[in-house]
Amino acid sequence: MTTPLKDPLYQSTRRAWETIWQQADVAAEVATMQYPRAVETFNAYLPYLPKDAWILEAGSGQGAVLVALQARGYRVVGLDYAFNALAASQAYEPTLCLQTGDVHALPYADDSLGAYLSFGVLEHFPHGMRPALIEAYRVLRRGGVLVMTIPYPNLIWKLAQQRRAAQGRQRISEDFYETTYTREELIAACTDVGFDVVQARPTSHSFTLWGAHPIFRAPGYYRTSALAEWSGRVLRWLAPWPFNYMTLIIARK
């Protein structure tokens, strides 16, 4: 039986991320932390993070969240399987603590971390998120916090899926895996490995619209227009889940 780390689609997705990060700009990534949707999500989970223990971002990419948290006095470490992303992060902020590794085999002791962060990572595993969540549970201390964001199958996503199906395609790329999870699926995945889910909330409604039409896009790196921001606020009130882009999960061990 093929192990998750040796699965061909898992490995091709990994190589795709290395290409994505090679073409990305760290300063642009860090700047996204000031976008309204990022500020909303950041402020939602920040009160749950401890300052008396290490916080791991598993799949840290180019380190935008790490930079923001370290600036606020948190002890953070970033881990990613894409070395080029870590190298770019280190060049941008030399004081960051970074490690090359895989979220399925974390190089940390049992019950050693205060929080585990994962932003848009676990949806890229063809074998599902359970193996990574088991590792997250293992390394967190008792009472430690899991913070995770995962794409939601919103209305825009469903329309895109129908369009691909009509074209005879299942994914954007046959070599890059990405899926979505419902709120119920996420809560079940977390509780099944032992976590107690504190929050499951919809976020980033304006970015759902960004993918729907150019009128919702502003110049710059994945910026949303003023119309998207206004519409996103309305949708967050009127239809929070049908137009949810990312579900934010906050859970405790």
Protein backbone atom coordinates (compact mmCIF):
# COMPACT_ATOMS: atom_id res chain seq x y z
CA MET A 1 0.00 0.00 0.00
CA THR A 2 1.31 3.46 -0.92
CA THR A 3 2.02 5.66 2.09
CA PRO A 4 0.71 9.25 1.98
CA LEU A 5 4.19 10.72 1.55
CA LYS A 6 4.91 8.45 -1.45
CA ASP A 7 1.61 8.97 -3.25
CA PRO A 8 2.34 10.30 -6.79
CA LEU A 9 -0.35 12.99 -6.61
CA TYR A 10 0.90 14.09 -3.19
CA GLN A 11 4.42 14.43 -4.60
CA SER A 12 3.30 16.29 -7.74
CA THR A 13 1.29 18.70 -5.56
CA ARG A 14 4.41 19.25 -3.48
CA ARG A 15 6.44 20.08 -6.58
CA ALA A 16 3.68 22.44 -7.74
CA TRP A 17 3.94 24.35 -4.44
CA GLU A 18 7.69 24.70 -4.92
CA THR A 19 6.99 26.29 -8.31
CA ILE A 20 4.29 28.55 -6.85
CA TRP A 21 6.58 29.82 -4.09
CA GLN A 22 9.44 30.31 -6.55
CA GLN A 23 7.27 32.81 -8.41
CA ALA A 24 5.84 34.52 -5.30
CA ASP A 25 7.02 37.66 -3.52
CA VAL A 26 7.48 37.63 0.25
CA ALA A 27 6.78 41.33 0.70
CA ALA A 28 3.50 40.93 -1.21
CA GLU A 29 2.56 37.94 0.93
CA VAL A 30 3.33 39.84 4.14
CA ALA A 31 1.27 42.81 2.90
CA THR A 32 -1.81 40.58 2.59
CA MET A 33 -1.91 40.40 6.39
CA GLN A 34 -3.25 43.97 6.28
CA TYR A 35 -6.12 43.09 3.93
CA PRO A 36 -9.52 43.35 5.65
CA ARG A 37 -10.27 39.63 5.25
CA ALA A 38 -6.92 38.67 6.79
CA VAL A 39 -7.30 41.13 9.66
CA GLU A 40 -10.75 39.72 10.44
CA THR A 41 -9.45 36.14 10.59
CA PHE A 42 -6.27 37.10 12.48
CA ASN A 43 -8.24 38.95 15.15
CA ALA A 44 -10.61 35.98 15.52
CA TYR A 45 -7.93 33.47 16.53
CA LEU A 46 -5.31 35.74 18.14
CA PRO A 47 -6.93 35.70 21.62
CA TYR A 48 -6.57 31.92 21.74
CA LEU A 49 -2.80 31.85 21.19
CA PRO A 50 -0.47 31.39 24.18
CA LYS A 51 2.60 33.52 24.82
CA ASP A 52 4.15 31.04 27.24
CA ALA A 53 4.78 28.28 24.65
CA TRP A 54 5.98 27.74 21.10
CA ILE A 55 3.48 28.13 18.27
CA LEU A 56 3.99 26.08 15.11
CA GLU A 57 2.72 27.09 11.71
CA ALA A 58 2.67 23.81 9.81
CA GLY A 59 2.93 24.63 6.13
CA SER A 60 4.16 28.17 6.70
CA GLY A 61 4.89 29.03 3.06
CA GLN A 62 6.62 32.40 2.86
CA GLY A 63 5.95 33.21 6.50
CA ALA A 64 3.47 36.11 6.43
CA VAL A 65 1.63 34.88 9.54
CA LEU A 66 4.91 34.17 11.33
CA VAL A 67 6.12 37.71 10.71
CA ALA A 68 2.86 39.16 12.07
CA LEU A 69 2.88 36.98 15.19
CA GLN A 70 6.56 37.43 15.98
CA ALA A 71 6.11 41.21 15.77
CA ARG A 72 3.52 40.86 18.54
CA GLY A 73 5.83 38.95 20.83
CA TYR A 74 4.75 35.35 20.14
CA ARG A 75 7.31 32.54 19.96
CA VAL A 76 6.77 31.02 16.54
CA VAL A 77 8.36 28.36 14.36
CA GLY A 78 7.50 27.71 10.74
CA LEU A 79 7.71 24.34 8.99
CA ASP A 80 7.23 23.63 5.29
CA TYR A 81 8.23 20.97 2.79
CA ALA A 82 9.11 23.65 0.21
CA PHE A 83 12.66 24.72 1.04
CA ASN A 84 12.58 27.64 -1.40
CA ALA A 85 9.65 29.18 0.48
CA LEU A 86 11.57 28.94 3.76
CA ALA A 87 14.69 30.41 2.18
CA ALA A 88 12.70 33.39 0.91
CA SER A 89 11.14 33.87 4.35
CA GLN A 90 14.54 33.77 6.03
CA ALA A 91 15.98 36.30 3.60
CA TYR A 92 13.07 38.64 4.30
CA GLU A 93 13.16 38.21 8.10
CA PRO A 94 16.41 36.56 9.32
CA THR A 95 15.16 36.23 12.91
CA LEU A 96 12.43 33.74 12.01
CA CYS A 97 12.78 30.17 13.31
CA LEU A 98 12.17 27.88 10.32
CA GLN A 99 12.50 24.16 9.61
CA THR A 100 12.16 21.96 6.56
CA GLY A 101 9.77 19.10 7.21
CA ASP A 102 6.48 17.40 6.49
CA VAL A 103 3.30 17.92 8.49
CA HIS A 104 2.79 14.14 8.53
CA ALA A 105 6.03 13.54 10.46
CA LEU A 106 6.68 16.54 12.71
CA PRO A 107 10.14 16.76 14.34
CA TYR A 108 8.71 17.71 17.75
CA ALA A 109 8.12 15.83 20.97
CA ASP A 110 4.74 14.77 22.26
CA ASP A 111 2.83 17.46 24.21
CA SER A 112 5.47 20.11 23.43
CA LEU A 113 3.69 22.95 21.62
CA GLY A 114 1.16 25.54 22.72
CA ALA A 115 -0.56 26.02 19.37
CA TYR A 116 -0.63 24.50 15.90
CA LEU A 117 -1.57 26.75 12.97
CA SER A 118 -2.55 25.54 9.50
CA PHE A 119 -3.81 27.98 6.87
CA GLY A 120 -4.97 26.50 3.58
CA VAL A 121 -2.78 23.39 3.84
CA LEU A 122 -4.70 20.22 4.70
CA GLU A 123 -7.04 20.46 1.70
CA HIS A 124 -4.11 19.55 -0.56
CA PHE A 125 -3.75 15.93 0.61
CA PRO A 126 -5.34 13.24 -1.60
CA HIS A 127 -5.37 10.90 1.42
CA GLY A 128 -7.33 13.38 3.53
CA MET A 129 -6.45 15.44 6.60
CA ARG A 130 -6.63 12.78 9.30
CA PRO A 131 -2.90 11.79 9.34
CA ALA A 132 -1.82 15.43 9.69
CA LEU A 133 -4.43 16.10 12.39
CA ILE A 134 -3.18 13.09 14.36
CA GLU A 135 0.31 14.58 14.27
CA ALA A 136 -1.05 17.98 15.32
CA TYR A 137 -2.81 16.38 18.29
CA ARG A 138 0.36 14.50 19.26
CA VAL A 139 2.64 17.53 19.46
CA LEU A 140 0.20 19.85 21.24
CA ARG A 141 0.29 20.07 25.01
CA ARG A 142 -2.88 19.46 27.00
CA GLY A 143 -5.11 22.49 26.41
CA GLY A 144 -3.09 23.42 23.30
CA VAL A 145 -4.87 25.17 20.45
CA LEU A 146 -5.45 24.07 16.87
CA VAL A 147 -6.18 26.93 14.43
CA MET A 148 -7.01 25.88 10.89
CA THR A 149 -8.54 27.39 7.77
CA ILE A 150 -9.90 25.22 4.96
CA PRO A 151 -11.76 26.16 1.75
CA TYR A 152 -15.53 25.69 1.85
CA PRO A 153 -17.70 24.36 -1.03
CA ASN A 154 -19.48 27.68 -1.53
CA LEU A 155 -21.85 28.53 -4.37
CA ILE A 156 -19.11 29.95 -6.60
CA TRP A 157 -16.98 26.83 -6.09
CA LYS A 158 -19.93 24.58 -6.91
CA LEU A 159 -20.58 26.46 -10.14
CA ALA A 160 -16.92 26.10 -11.10
CA GLN A 161 -17.11 22.36 -10.37
CA GLN A 162 -20.17 22.02 -12.60
CA ARG A 163 -18.33 23.84 -15.38
CA ARG A 164 -15.32 21.52 -15.06
CA ALA A 165 -17.57 18.44 -15.03
CA ALA A 166 -19.22 19.64 -18.24
CA GLN A 167 -15.73 19.90 -19.75
CA GLY A 168 -14.82 16.40 -18.53
CA ARG A 169 -12.38 17.66 -15.90
CA GLN A 170 -12.32 16.94 -12.15
CA ARG A 171 -9.64 19.39 -11.02
CA ILE A 172 -7.98 22.58 -12.18
CA SER A 173 -4.85 20.47 -12.80
CA GLU A 174 -4.42 16.72 -12.80
CA ASP A 175 -1.06 17.18 -11.05
CA PHE A 176 -2.26 19.49 -8.27
CA TYR A 177 -4.70 18.34 -5.61
CA GLU A 178 -7.10 20.66 -3.82
CA THR A 179 -10.51 20.03 -2.33
CA THR A 180 -13.03 21.63 0.01
CA TYR A 181 -14.67 20.56 3.25
CA THR A 182 -18.05 21.36 4.73
CA ARG A 183 -18.39 22.65 8.27
CA GLU A 184 -19.71 19.26 9.40
CA GLU A 185 -16.83 17.39 7.77
CA LEU A 186 -14.27 19.64 9.46
CA ILE A 187 -15.81 19.34 12.89
CA ALA A 188 -16.01 15.56 12.51
CA ALA A 189 -12.39 15.32 11.34
CA CYS A 190 -11.17 17.27 14.38
CA THR A 191 -13.32 15.53 16.99
CA ASP A 192 -12.48 12.08 15.60
CA VAL A 193 -8.82 12.54 16.57
CA GLY A 194 -9.66 13.97 19.99
CA PHE A 195 -9.99 17.74 19.56
CA ASP A 196 -12.73 19.78 21.19
CA VAL A 197 -13.95 22.30 18.60
CA VAL A 198 -14.46 25.76 20.10
CA GLN A 199 -15.37 27.66 16.92
CA ALA A 200 -16.23 26.88 13.31
CA ARG A 201 -16.88 30.16 11.55
CA PRO A 202 -17.12 31.34 7.94
CA THR A 203 -14.61 33.95 6.73
CA SER A 204 -13.36 35.90 3.72
CA HIS A 205 -16.68 36.38 1.92
CA SER A 206 -15.21 39.19 -0.17
CA PHE A 207 -12.65 36.78 -1.61
CA THR A 208 -15.38 34.38 -2.68
CA LEU A 209 -16.58 37.23 -4.89
CA TRP A 210 -13.02 37.93 -6.10
CA GLY A 211 -13.16 34.63 -7.95
CA ALA A 212 -16.60 35.31 -9.41
CA HIS A 213 -16.04 38.39 -11.59
CA PRO A 214 -13.34 41.02 -12.36
CA ILE A 215 -15.56 43.75 -10.93
CA PHE A 216 -14.74 42.39 -7.48
CA ARG A 217 -10.96 42.64 -8.03
CA ALA A 218 -8.71 45.61 -7.28
CA PRO A 219 -5.23 46.24 -8.69
CA GLY A 220 -2.53 44.41 -6.76
CA TYR A 221 -1.84 40.99 -5.29
CA TYR A 222 -5.23 39.26 -4.80
CA ARG A 223 -6.80 42.50 -3.63
CA THR A 224 -10.56 42.82 -3.48
CA SER A 225 -12.40 45.90 -4.68
CA ALA A 226 -14.46 48.24 -2.50
CA LEU A 227 -17.56 46.63 -4.03
CA ALA A 228 -16.35 43.17 -2.99
CA GLU A 229 -15.67 44.37 0.56
CA TRP A 230 -19.12 45.95 0.86
CA SER A 231 -20.86 42.95 -0.71
CA GLY A 232 -18.84 40.57 1.45
CA ARG A 233 -20.05 42.30 4.61
CA VAL A 234 -23.64 42.00 3.42
CA LEU A 235 -23.22 38.33 2.53
CA ARG A 236 -21.57 37.58 5.88
CA TRP A 237 -24.82 38.76 7.45
CA LEU A 238 -27.37 37.44 4.92
CA ALA A 239 -25.77 34.17 3.72
CA PRO A 240 -22.68 33.44 5.82
CA TRP A 241 -22.21 29.82 4.76
CA PRO A 242 -23.29 29.75 1.08
CA PHE A 243 -20.67 32.46 0.35
CA ASN A 244 -18.04 31.35 2.87
CA TYR A 245 -14.57 31.15 1.32
CA MET A 246 -12.57 29.72 4.23
CA THR A 247 -13.86 28.01 7.36
CA LEU A 248 -11.90 28.94 10.45
CA ILE A 249 -11.60 26.12 12.99
CA ILE A 250 -10.42 26.79 16.54
CA ALA A 251 -10.11 23.69 18.70
CA ARG A 252 -8.40 22.51 21.88
CA LYS A 253 -6.64 19.32 22.84
